[in-house]
Amino acid sequence: MTSEKDTTMIGKLAAATAATLLSSSLLAAAAERVEVFSTSGCGCCIGWIRHLEEAGFEVTNENLAMADLYAKKTGAGLKPGQTSCHTGFVGGYVVEGHVPAAEVTRLLAERPDAVGITVPDMPAGSPGMGESDEPYEVLLVARDGSTSIFARYPLAGNDASR
């Protein structure tokens, strides 16, 4: 059984950890440039780019015709069912869809042997897609095209379920 004092201590520890991760995320992100490819006029893509910029990433965006954008996705090693509306490249990885900036930073820090990470489709509540507590997953895409769960959202207790 957890006492109120223990619960308060756990909450303070979680808040301190989150603050440390956020500050280290901002420092790590500040040195990284994300190249984003999207189609013109996509509001959610613009929202995701702003989310990355607010997290300290330098972002460039190039609008492509849909066929050219799809070629970028498949050329990066993504398969059908792993894609969304925009594709980013950073640090040798592909970042597909509405991936939270914290997970991009984690990817760059951990540097797994993978193609990159993706949030397939366009789930409500993901960065750039508005407010919602609907759950979604960030998937790690292996070099063989298989996926595994990298993180789950929304956050539970100030930390993604990993």
N, C-alpha and C. Protein backbone atom coordinates (compact mmCIF):
# COMPACT_ATOMS: atom_id res chain seq x y z
N MET A 1 0.84 -1.17 0.00
CA MET A 1 0.00 0.00 0.00
C MET A 1 0.89 1.24 0.00
N THR A 2 0.54 2.20 -0.80
CA THR A 2 1.32 3.42 -0.93
C THR A 2 0.69 4.53 -0.10
N SER A 3 1.54 5.16 0.72
CA SER A 3 1.04 6.25 1.56
C SER A 3 0.95 7.53 0.74
N GLU A 4 0.28 8.52 1.31
CA GLU A 4 0.16 9.82 0.64
C GLU A 4 1.54 10.45 0.48
N LYS A 5 2.40 10.28 1.49
CA LYS A 5 3.76 10.81 1.42
C LYS A 5 4.54 10.16 0.28
N ASP A 6 4.40 8.83 0.14
CA ASP A 6 5.07 8.13 -0.96
C ASP A 6 4.56 8.61 -2.31
N THR A 7 3.25 8.79 -2.41
CA THR A 7 2.64 9.25 -3.66
C THR A 7 3.16 10.64 -4.02
N THR A 8 3.26 11.52 -3.04
CA THR A 8 3.78 12.87 -3.27
C THR A 8 5.23 12.81 -3.73
N MET A 9 6.03 11.95 -3.09
CA MET A 9 7.44 11.80 -3.45
C MET A 9 7.58 11.26 -4.87
N ILE A 10 6.75 10.29 -5.22
CA ILE A 10 6.79 9.73 -6.56
C ILE A 10 6.42 10.81 -7.58
N GLY A 11 5.41 11.61 -7.27
CA GLY A 11 5.01 12.70 -8.16
C GLY A 11 6.12 13.71 -8.36
N LYS A 12 6.80 14.06 -7.27
CA LYS A 12 7.91 15.02 -7.37
C LYS A 12 9.07 14.44 -8.18
N LEU A 13 9.35 13.17 -7.97
CA LEU A 13 10.40 12.52 -8.72
C LEU A 13 10.05 12.46 -10.21
N ALA A 14 8.80 12.15 -10.53
CA ALA A 14 8.35 12.10 -11.92
C ALA A 14 8.46 13.49 -12.56
N ALA A 15 8.07 14.53 -11.83
CA ALA A 15 8.15 15.90 -12.36
C ALA A 15 9.61 16.30 -12.61
N ALA A 16 10.49 15.95 -11.67
CA ALA A 16 11.91 16.29 -11.83
C ALA A 16 12.50 15.54 -13.03
N THR A 17 12.14 14.28 -13.17
CA THR A 17 12.62 13.50 -14.31
C THR A 17 12.12 14.08 -15.62
N ALA A 18 10.85 14.46 -15.65
CA ALA A 18 10.28 15.05 -16.87
C ALA A 18 10.98 16.35 -17.22
N ALA A 19 11.26 17.18 -16.21
CA ALA A 19 11.95 18.45 -16.45
C ALA A 19 13.36 18.21 -16.99
N THR A 20 14.06 17.22 -16.43
CA THR A 20 15.41 16.89 -16.90
C THR A 20 15.37 16.39 -18.33
N LEU A 21 14.43 15.50 -18.62
CA LEU A 21 14.30 14.99 -19.98
C LEU A 21 13.96 16.09 -20.96
N LEU A 22 13.07 17.00 -20.57
CA LEU A 22 12.69 18.09 -21.45
C LEU A 22 13.89 18.98 -21.75
N SER A 23 14.66 19.34 -20.71
CA SER A 23 15.80 20.22 -20.95
C SER A 23 16.85 19.53 -21.78
N SER A 24 17.10 18.23 -21.53
CA SER A 24 18.08 17.53 -22.36
C SER A 24 17.54 17.32 -23.77
N SER A 25 16.23 17.16 -23.91
CA SER A 25 15.62 17.03 -25.23
C SER A 25 15.82 18.30 -26.03
N LEU A 26 15.60 19.43 -25.40
CA LEU A 26 15.76 20.71 -26.10
C LEU A 26 17.20 20.92 -26.53
N LEU A 27 18.15 20.55 -25.66
CA LEU A 27 19.56 20.70 -26.02
C LEU A 27 19.94 19.77 -27.16
N ALA A 28 19.49 18.53 -27.10
CA ALA A 28 19.80 17.57 -28.16
C ALA A 28 19.16 17.99 -29.47
N ALA A 29 17.93 18.43 -29.40
CA ALA A 29 17.19 18.78 -30.61
C ALA A 29 17.77 20.02 -31.28
N ALA A 30 18.31 20.93 -30.48
CA ALA A 30 18.79 22.19 -31.03
C ALA A 30 19.86 21.97 -32.09
N ALA A 31 20.60 20.87 -31.99
CA ALA A 31 21.67 20.61 -32.94
C ALA A 31 21.20 19.82 -34.16
N GLU A 32 19.96 19.39 -34.17
CA GLU A 32 19.47 18.52 -35.24
C GLU A 32 18.57 19.27 -36.21
N ARG A 33 18.76 18.98 -37.48
CA ARG A 33 17.90 19.55 -38.52
C ARG A 33 17.04 18.44 -39.10
N VAL A 34 15.76 18.69 -39.18
CA VAL A 34 14.82 17.72 -39.72
C VAL A 34 14.38 18.22 -41.09
N GLU A 35 14.56 17.37 -42.10
CA GLU A 35 14.08 17.66 -43.45
C GLU A 35 12.71 17.03 -43.59
N VAL A 36 11.68 17.83 -43.82
CA VAL A 36 10.32 17.32 -43.94
C VAL A 36 9.85 17.45 -45.39
N PHE A 37 9.16 16.41 -45.83
CA PHE A 37 8.55 16.40 -47.16
C PHE A 37 7.06 16.16 -46.98
N SER A 38 6.25 16.99 -47.63
CA SER A 38 4.79 16.91 -47.49
C SER A 38 4.16 17.40 -48.79
N THR A 39 2.85 17.38 -48.84
CA THR A 39 2.14 17.98 -49.96
C THR A 39 1.72 19.39 -49.54
N SER A 40 1.51 20.27 -50.49
CA SER A 40 1.19 21.66 -50.16
C SER A 40 -0.19 21.77 -49.51
N GLY A 41 -0.29 22.72 -48.61
CA GLY A 41 -1.58 23.05 -48.00
C GLY A 41 -2.05 22.12 -46.92
N CYS A 42 -1.20 21.24 -46.42
CA CYS A 42 -1.62 20.30 -45.37
C CYS A 42 -1.44 20.96 -44.01
N GLY A 43 -2.55 21.33 -43.38
CA GLY A 43 -2.50 22.03 -42.09
C GLY A 43 -1.90 21.20 -40.97
N CYS A 44 -2.18 19.89 -40.96
CA CYS A 44 -1.64 19.08 -39.87
C CYS A 44 -0.13 18.91 -40.01
N CYS A 45 0.38 18.91 -41.24
CA CYS A 45 1.82 18.85 -41.44
C CYS A 45 2.48 20.12 -40.89
N ILE A 46 1.87 21.24 -41.15
CA ILE A 46 2.37 22.51 -40.63
C ILE A 46 2.34 22.49 -39.10
N GLY A 47 1.27 21.94 -38.53
CA GLY A 47 1.18 21.82 -37.06
C GLY A 47 2.29 20.96 -36.50
N TRP A 48 2.63 19.85 -37.17
CA TRP A 48 3.69 18.98 -36.69
C TRP A 48 5.06 19.68 -36.79
N ILE A 49 5.27 20.41 -37.89
CA ILE A 49 6.52 21.15 -38.05
C ILE A 49 6.67 22.17 -36.91
N ARG A 50 5.61 22.87 -36.59
CA ARG A 50 5.66 23.83 -35.47
C ARG A 50 5.98 23.13 -34.16
N HIS A 51 5.38 21.96 -33.95
CA HIS A 51 5.65 21.17 -32.75
C HIS A 51 7.15 20.86 -32.64
N LEU A 52 7.77 20.45 -33.73
CA LEU A 52 9.21 20.17 -33.71
C LEU A 52 10.02 21.42 -33.45
N GLU A 53 9.64 22.52 -34.10
CA GLU A 53 10.36 23.78 -33.89
C GLU A 53 10.26 24.24 -32.44
N GLU A 54 9.08 24.09 -31.85
CA GLU A 54 8.91 24.47 -30.44
C GLU A 54 9.76 23.60 -29.52
N ALA A 55 10.10 22.41 -29.96
CA ALA A 55 10.95 21.51 -29.18
C ALA A 55 12.43 21.77 -29.44
N GLY A 56 12.74 22.73 -30.31
CA GLY A 56 14.12 23.12 -30.55
C GLY A 56 14.75 22.58 -31.81
N PHE A 57 14.01 21.83 -32.61
CA PHE A 57 14.55 21.32 -33.86
C PHE A 57 14.54 22.42 -34.91
N GLU A 58 15.54 22.40 -35.79
CA GLU A 58 15.55 23.24 -36.99
C GLU A 58 14.86 22.40 -38.06
N VAL A 59 13.86 22.96 -38.72
CA VAL A 59 13.06 22.19 -39.67
C VAL A 59 13.01 22.89 -41.02
N THR A 60 13.23 22.11 -42.08
CA THR A 60 12.98 22.59 -43.44
C THR A 60 11.83 21.77 -43.99
N ASN A 61 11.06 22.36 -44.90
CA ASN A 61 9.93 21.65 -45.49
C ASN A 61 9.93 21.86 -46.99
N GLU A 62 9.77 20.76 -47.71
CA GLU A 62 9.64 20.82 -49.16
C GLU A 62 8.34 20.15 -49.55
N ASN A 63 7.52 20.87 -50.32
CA ASN A 63 6.26 20.31 -50.81
C ASN A 63 6.52 19.53 -52.08
N LEU A 64 5.95 18.33 -52.13
CA LEU A 64 6.11 17.45 -53.28
C LEU A 64 4.76 17.01 -53.81
N ALA A 65 4.74 16.58 -55.04
CA ALA A 65 3.55 15.92 -55.59
C ALA A 65 3.39 14.59 -54.85
N MET A 66 2.16 14.10 -54.75
CA MET A 66 1.89 12.89 -53.98
C MET A 66 2.74 11.71 -54.43
N ALA A 67 2.90 11.51 -55.72
CA ALA A 67 3.71 10.38 -56.21
C ALA A 67 5.16 10.50 -55.76
N ASP A 68 5.70 11.72 -55.79
CA ASP A 68 7.08 11.94 -55.36
C ASP A 68 7.22 11.73 -53.85
N LEU A 69 6.21 12.16 -53.10
CA LEU A 69 6.24 11.97 -51.64
C LEU A 69 6.20 10.48 -51.31
N TYR A 70 5.34 9.73 -52.00
CA TYR A 70 5.26 8.29 -51.76
C TYR A 70 6.57 7.60 -52.11
N ALA A 71 7.25 8.07 -53.15
CA ALA A 71 8.55 7.52 -53.53
C ALA A 71 9.58 7.77 -52.43
N LYS A 72 9.50 8.92 -51.77
CA LYS A 72 10.40 9.21 -50.63
C LYS A 72 10.16 8.20 -49.52
N LYS A 73 8.89 7.94 -49.23
CA LYS A 73 8.52 7.02 -48.15
C LYS A 73 9.04 5.60 -48.44
N THR A 74 8.75 5.09 -49.63
CA THR A 74 9.17 3.73 -49.96
C THR A 74 10.69 3.64 -50.11
N GLY A 75 11.28 4.70 -50.62
CA GLY A 75 12.74 4.74 -50.73
C GLY A 75 13.44 4.70 -49.39
N ALA A 76 12.76 5.20 -48.37
CA ALA A 76 13.31 5.19 -47.01
C ALA A 76 13.11 3.85 -46.32
N GLY A 77 12.34 2.96 -46.94
CA GLY A 77 12.13 1.64 -46.35
C GLY A 77 10.79 1.45 -45.67
N LEU A 78 9.88 2.41 -45.83
CA LEU A 78 8.55 2.27 -45.23
C LEU A 78 7.66 1.43 -46.14
N LYS A 79 6.80 0.66 -45.50
CA LYS A 79 5.86 -0.20 -46.22
C LYS A 79 4.44 0.34 -46.08
N PRO A 80 3.54 -0.12 -46.94
CA PRO A 80 2.13 0.27 -46.76
C PRO A 80 1.67 -0.07 -45.33
N GLY A 81 0.87 0.81 -44.78
CA GLY A 81 0.42 0.64 -43.40
C GLY A 81 1.33 1.29 -42.38
N GLN A 82 2.49 1.76 -42.83
CA GLN A 82 3.44 2.43 -41.93
C GLN A 82 3.53 3.93 -42.21
N THR A 83 2.69 4.43 -43.10
CA THR A 83 2.86 5.81 -43.57
C THR A 83 1.77 6.73 -43.04
N SER A 84 2.03 8.01 -43.25
CA SER A 84 1.12 9.08 -42.86
C SER A 84 1.20 10.16 -43.93
N CYS A 85 0.93 11.40 -43.56
CA CYS A 85 0.85 12.45 -44.56
C CYS A 85 2.17 13.17 -44.83
N HIS A 86 3.16 13.06 -43.96
CA HIS A 86 4.44 13.72 -44.20
C HIS A 86 5.57 12.80 -43.75
N THR A 87 6.74 13.07 -44.27
CA THR A 87 7.92 12.24 -44.00
C THR A 87 9.07 13.16 -43.65
N GLY A 88 9.75 12.84 -42.55
CA GLY A 88 10.92 13.61 -42.14
C GLY A 88 12.16 12.74 -42.12
N PHE A 89 13.30 13.39 -42.25
CA PHE A 89 14.58 12.70 -42.16
C PHE A 89 15.46 13.47 -41.20
N VAL A 90 16.07 12.74 -40.25
CA VAL A 90 16.96 13.37 -39.29
C VAL A 90 17.96 12.34 -38.78
N GLY A 91 19.22 12.72 -38.75
CA GLY A 91 20.25 11.86 -38.18
C GLY A 91 20.34 10.48 -38.78
N GLY A 92 20.00 10.34 -40.06
CA GLY A 92 20.07 9.04 -40.71
C GLY A 92 18.82 8.19 -40.54
N TYR A 93 17.78 8.74 -39.95
CA TYR A 93 16.52 8.03 -39.71
C TYR A 93 15.37 8.70 -40.46
N VAL A 94 14.34 7.91 -40.75
CA VAL A 94 13.08 8.45 -41.25
C VAL A 94 12.16 8.63 -40.05
N VAL A 95 11.42 9.73 -40.05
CA VAL A 95 10.42 10.01 -39.02
C VAL A 95 9.12 10.25 -39.78
N GLU A 96 8.22 9.28 -39.70
CA GLU A 96 7.01 9.30 -40.52
C GLU A 96 5.80 9.67 -39.68
N GLY A 97 5.09 10.70 -40.14
CA GLY A 97 3.83 11.07 -39.50
C GLY A 97 3.99 11.91 -38.26
N HIS A 98 2.96 11.86 -37.43
CA HIS A 98 2.83 12.78 -36.29
C HIS A 98 3.52 12.26 -35.04
N VAL A 99 4.82 12.04 -35.15
CA VAL A 99 5.64 11.53 -34.05
C VAL A 99 5.93 12.65 -33.07
N PRO A 100 5.71 12.43 -31.76
CA PRO A 100 6.06 13.46 -30.77
C PRO A 100 7.56 13.76 -30.79
N ALA A 101 7.90 15.02 -30.61
CA ALA A 101 9.30 15.45 -30.62
C ALA A 101 10.13 14.70 -29.59
N ALA A 102 9.55 14.37 -28.45
CA ALA A 102 10.28 13.64 -27.41
C ALA A 102 10.75 12.29 -27.94
N GLU A 103 9.98 11.66 -28.80
CA GLU A 103 10.38 10.36 -29.34
C GLU A 103 11.44 10.51 -30.43
N VAL A 104 11.42 11.63 -31.15
CA VAL A 104 12.49 11.91 -32.12
C VAL A 104 13.80 12.08 -31.36
N THR A 105 13.75 12.82 -30.28
CA THR A 105 14.94 13.04 -29.45
C THR A 105 15.43 11.72 -28.87
N ARG A 106 14.51 10.90 -28.39
CA ARG A 106 14.88 9.59 -27.85
C ARG A 106 15.53 8.72 -28.93
N LEU A 107 14.97 8.72 -30.13
CA LEU A 107 15.53 7.96 -31.25
C LEU A 107 16.98 8.37 -31.49
N LEU A 108 17.22 9.67 -31.52
CA LEU A 108 18.55 10.19 -31.78
C LEU A 108 19.52 9.89 -30.64
N ALA A 109 19.01 9.83 -29.42
CA ALA A 109 19.86 9.52 -28.27
C ALA A 109 20.20 8.03 -28.20
N GLU A 110 19.21 7.19 -28.47
CA GLU A 110 19.42 5.74 -28.36
C GLU A 110 20.06 5.13 -29.60
N ARG A 111 19.83 5.73 -30.75
CA ARG A 111 20.39 5.32 -32.04
C ARG A 111 20.24 3.82 -32.30
N PRO A 112 19.01 3.31 -32.31
CA PRO A 112 18.81 1.89 -32.59
C PRO A 112 19.15 1.56 -34.05
N ASP A 113 19.45 0.29 -34.31
CA ASP A 113 19.69 -0.16 -35.68
C ASP A 113 18.32 -0.33 -36.33
N ALA A 114 17.84 0.72 -36.96
CA ALA A 114 16.48 0.74 -37.51
C ALA A 114 16.40 1.74 -38.65
N VAL A 115 15.32 1.63 -39.42
CA VAL A 115 15.02 2.60 -40.47
C VAL A 115 14.59 3.92 -39.83
N GLY A 116 13.76 3.84 -38.78
CA GLY A 116 13.27 5.03 -38.10
C GLY A 116 12.03 4.73 -37.30
N ILE A 117 11.20 5.76 -37.10
CA ILE A 117 9.98 5.62 -36.31
C ILE A 117 8.80 6.20 -37.08
N THR A 118 7.61 5.70 -36.74
CA THR A 118 6.41 6.14 -37.45
C THR A 118 5.21 6.16 -36.52
N VAL A 119 4.32 7.10 -36.78
CA VAL A 119 2.96 7.08 -36.25
C VAL A 119 2.08 6.95 -37.49
N PRO A 120 1.68 5.70 -37.82
CA PRO A 120 0.89 5.50 -39.03
C PRO A 120 -0.45 6.24 -38.99
N ASP A 121 -0.93 6.56 -40.15
CA ASP A 121 -2.20 7.26 -40.32
C ASP A 121 -2.11 8.65 -39.71
N MET A 122 -3.16 9.14 -39.12
CA MET A 122 -3.19 10.49 -38.57
C MET A 122 -4.04 10.48 -37.30
N PRO A 123 -3.53 9.87 -36.21
CA PRO A 123 -4.37 9.71 -35.02
C PRO A 123 -4.67 11.04 -34.31
N ALA A 124 -5.91 11.17 -33.88
CA ALA A 124 -6.31 12.34 -33.10
C ALA A 124 -5.46 12.41 -31.85
N GLY A 125 -5.05 13.61 -31.50
CA GLY A 125 -4.26 13.83 -30.30
C GLY A 125 -2.76 13.77 -30.52
N SER A 126 -2.33 13.30 -31.66
CA SER A 126 -0.90 13.31 -31.95
C SER A 126 -0.49 14.73 -32.36
N PRO A 127 0.80 15.08 -32.25
CA PRO A 127 1.22 16.44 -32.56
C PRO A 127 0.79 16.88 -33.96
N GLY A 128 0.09 18.02 -34.01
CA GLY A 128 -0.42 18.55 -35.26
C GLY A 128 -1.85 18.15 -35.56
N MET A 129 -2.40 17.21 -34.76
CA MET A 129 -3.73 16.67 -35.03
C MET A 129 -4.77 17.11 -33.99
N GLY A 130 -4.46 18.11 -33.19
CA GLY A 130 -5.43 18.61 -32.22
C GLY A 130 -5.43 17.84 -30.92
N GLU A 131 -6.30 18.25 -30.04
CA GLU A 131 -6.36 17.68 -28.69
C GLU A 131 -7.27 16.46 -28.65
N SER A 132 -6.80 15.40 -28.03
CA SER A 132 -7.59 14.20 -27.82
C SER A 132 -6.80 13.29 -26.90
N ASP A 133 -7.51 12.47 -26.15
CA ASP A 133 -6.81 11.48 -25.33
C ASP A 133 -6.91 10.09 -25.94
N GLU A 134 -7.24 10.05 -27.23
CA GLU A 134 -7.31 8.77 -27.93
C GLU A 134 -5.91 8.16 -28.02
N PRO A 135 -5.76 6.89 -27.66
CA PRO A 135 -4.43 6.28 -27.66
C PRO A 135 -3.88 6.04 -29.06
N TYR A 136 -2.58 6.12 -29.17
CA TYR A 136 -1.87 5.78 -30.41
C TYR A 136 -0.48 5.30 -30.05
N GLU A 137 0.18 4.67 -31.01
CA GLU A 137 1.52 4.13 -30.78
C GLU A 137 2.53 4.73 -31.75
N VAL A 138 3.74 4.88 -31.25
CA VAL A 138 4.89 5.22 -32.08
C VAL A 138 5.61 3.89 -32.32
N LEU A 139 5.82 3.56 -33.58
CA LEU A 139 6.42 2.28 -33.93
C LEU A 139 7.86 2.47 -34.40
N LEU A 140 8.73 1.57 -33.98
CA LEU A 140 10.10 1.51 -34.47
C LEU A 140 10.08 0.60 -35.70
N VAL A 141 10.58 1.09 -36.81
CA VAL A 141 10.62 0.32 -38.05
C VAL A 141 12.01 -0.28 -38.21
N ALA A 142 12.08 -1.61 -38.16
CA ALA A 142 13.35 -2.33 -38.30
C ALA A 142 13.79 -2.33 -39.76
N ARG A 143 15.02 -2.67 -39.99
CA ARG A 143 15.56 -2.68 -41.36
C ARG A 143 14.87 -3.72 -42.24
N ASP A 144 14.31 -4.77 -41.63
CA ASP A 144 13.59 -5.77 -42.42
C ASP A 144 12.13 -5.38 -42.67
N GLY A 145 11.73 -4.19 -42.19
CA GLY A 145 10.37 -3.70 -42.40
C GLY A 145 9.41 -4.04 -41.29
N SER A 146 9.81 -4.89 -40.36
CA SER A 146 8.95 -5.23 -39.23
C SER A 146 8.90 -4.04 -38.26
N THR A 147 7.90 -4.04 -37.40
CA THR A 147 7.76 -2.94 -36.44
C THR A 147 7.64 -3.49 -35.02
N SER A 148 7.99 -2.65 -34.08
CA SER A 148 7.76 -2.91 -32.66
C SER A 148 7.35 -1.60 -32.01
N ILE A 149 6.70 -1.69 -30.88
CA ILE A 149 6.22 -0.48 -30.20
C ILE A 149 7.41 0.24 -29.56
N PHE A 150 7.58 1.49 -29.93
CA PHE A 150 8.62 2.36 -29.39
C PHE A 150 8.07 3.17 -28.21
N ALA A 151 6.81 3.59 -28.31
CA ALA A 151 6.15 4.34 -27.23
C ALA A 151 4.65 4.29 -27.45
N ARG A 152 3.91 4.49 -26.36
CA ARG A 152 2.45 4.58 -26.42
C ARG A 152 2.02 5.93 -25.86
N TYR A 153 1.00 6.48 -26.47
CA TYR A 153 0.43 7.76 -26.03
C TYR A 153 -1.07 7.59 -25.91
N PRO A 154 -1.77 8.38 -25.08
CA PRO A 154 -1.23 9.51 -24.32
C PRO A 154 -0.33 9.04 -23.19
N LEU A 155 0.45 9.97 -22.70
CA LEU A 155 1.38 9.68 -21.63
C LEU A 155 0.62 9.25 -20.38
N ALA A 156 1.17 8.28 -19.70
CA ALA A 156 0.60 7.83 -18.42
C ALA A 156 1.61 8.17 -17.33
N GLY A 157 1.22 8.98 -16.38
CA GLY A 157 2.13 9.33 -15.28
C GLY A 157 3.36 10.09 -15.73
N ASN A 158 3.21 10.99 -16.70
CA ASN A 158 4.29 11.84 -17.21
C ASN A 158 5.37 11.09 -17.96
N ASP A 159 5.13 9.84 -18.36
CA ASP A 159 6.12 9.10 -19.13
C ASP A 159 5.39 8.20 -20.10
N ALA A 160 5.89 8.09 -21.30
CA ALA A 160 5.28 7.20 -22.28
C ALA A 160 5.49 5.76 -21.84
N SER A 161 4.55 4.93 -22.13
CA SER A 161 4.68 3.51 -21.86
C SER A 161 5.62 2.94 -22.91
N ARG A 162 6.74 2.45 -22.47
CA ARG A 162 7.78 1.98 -23.43
C ARG A 162 8.08 0.53 -23.21
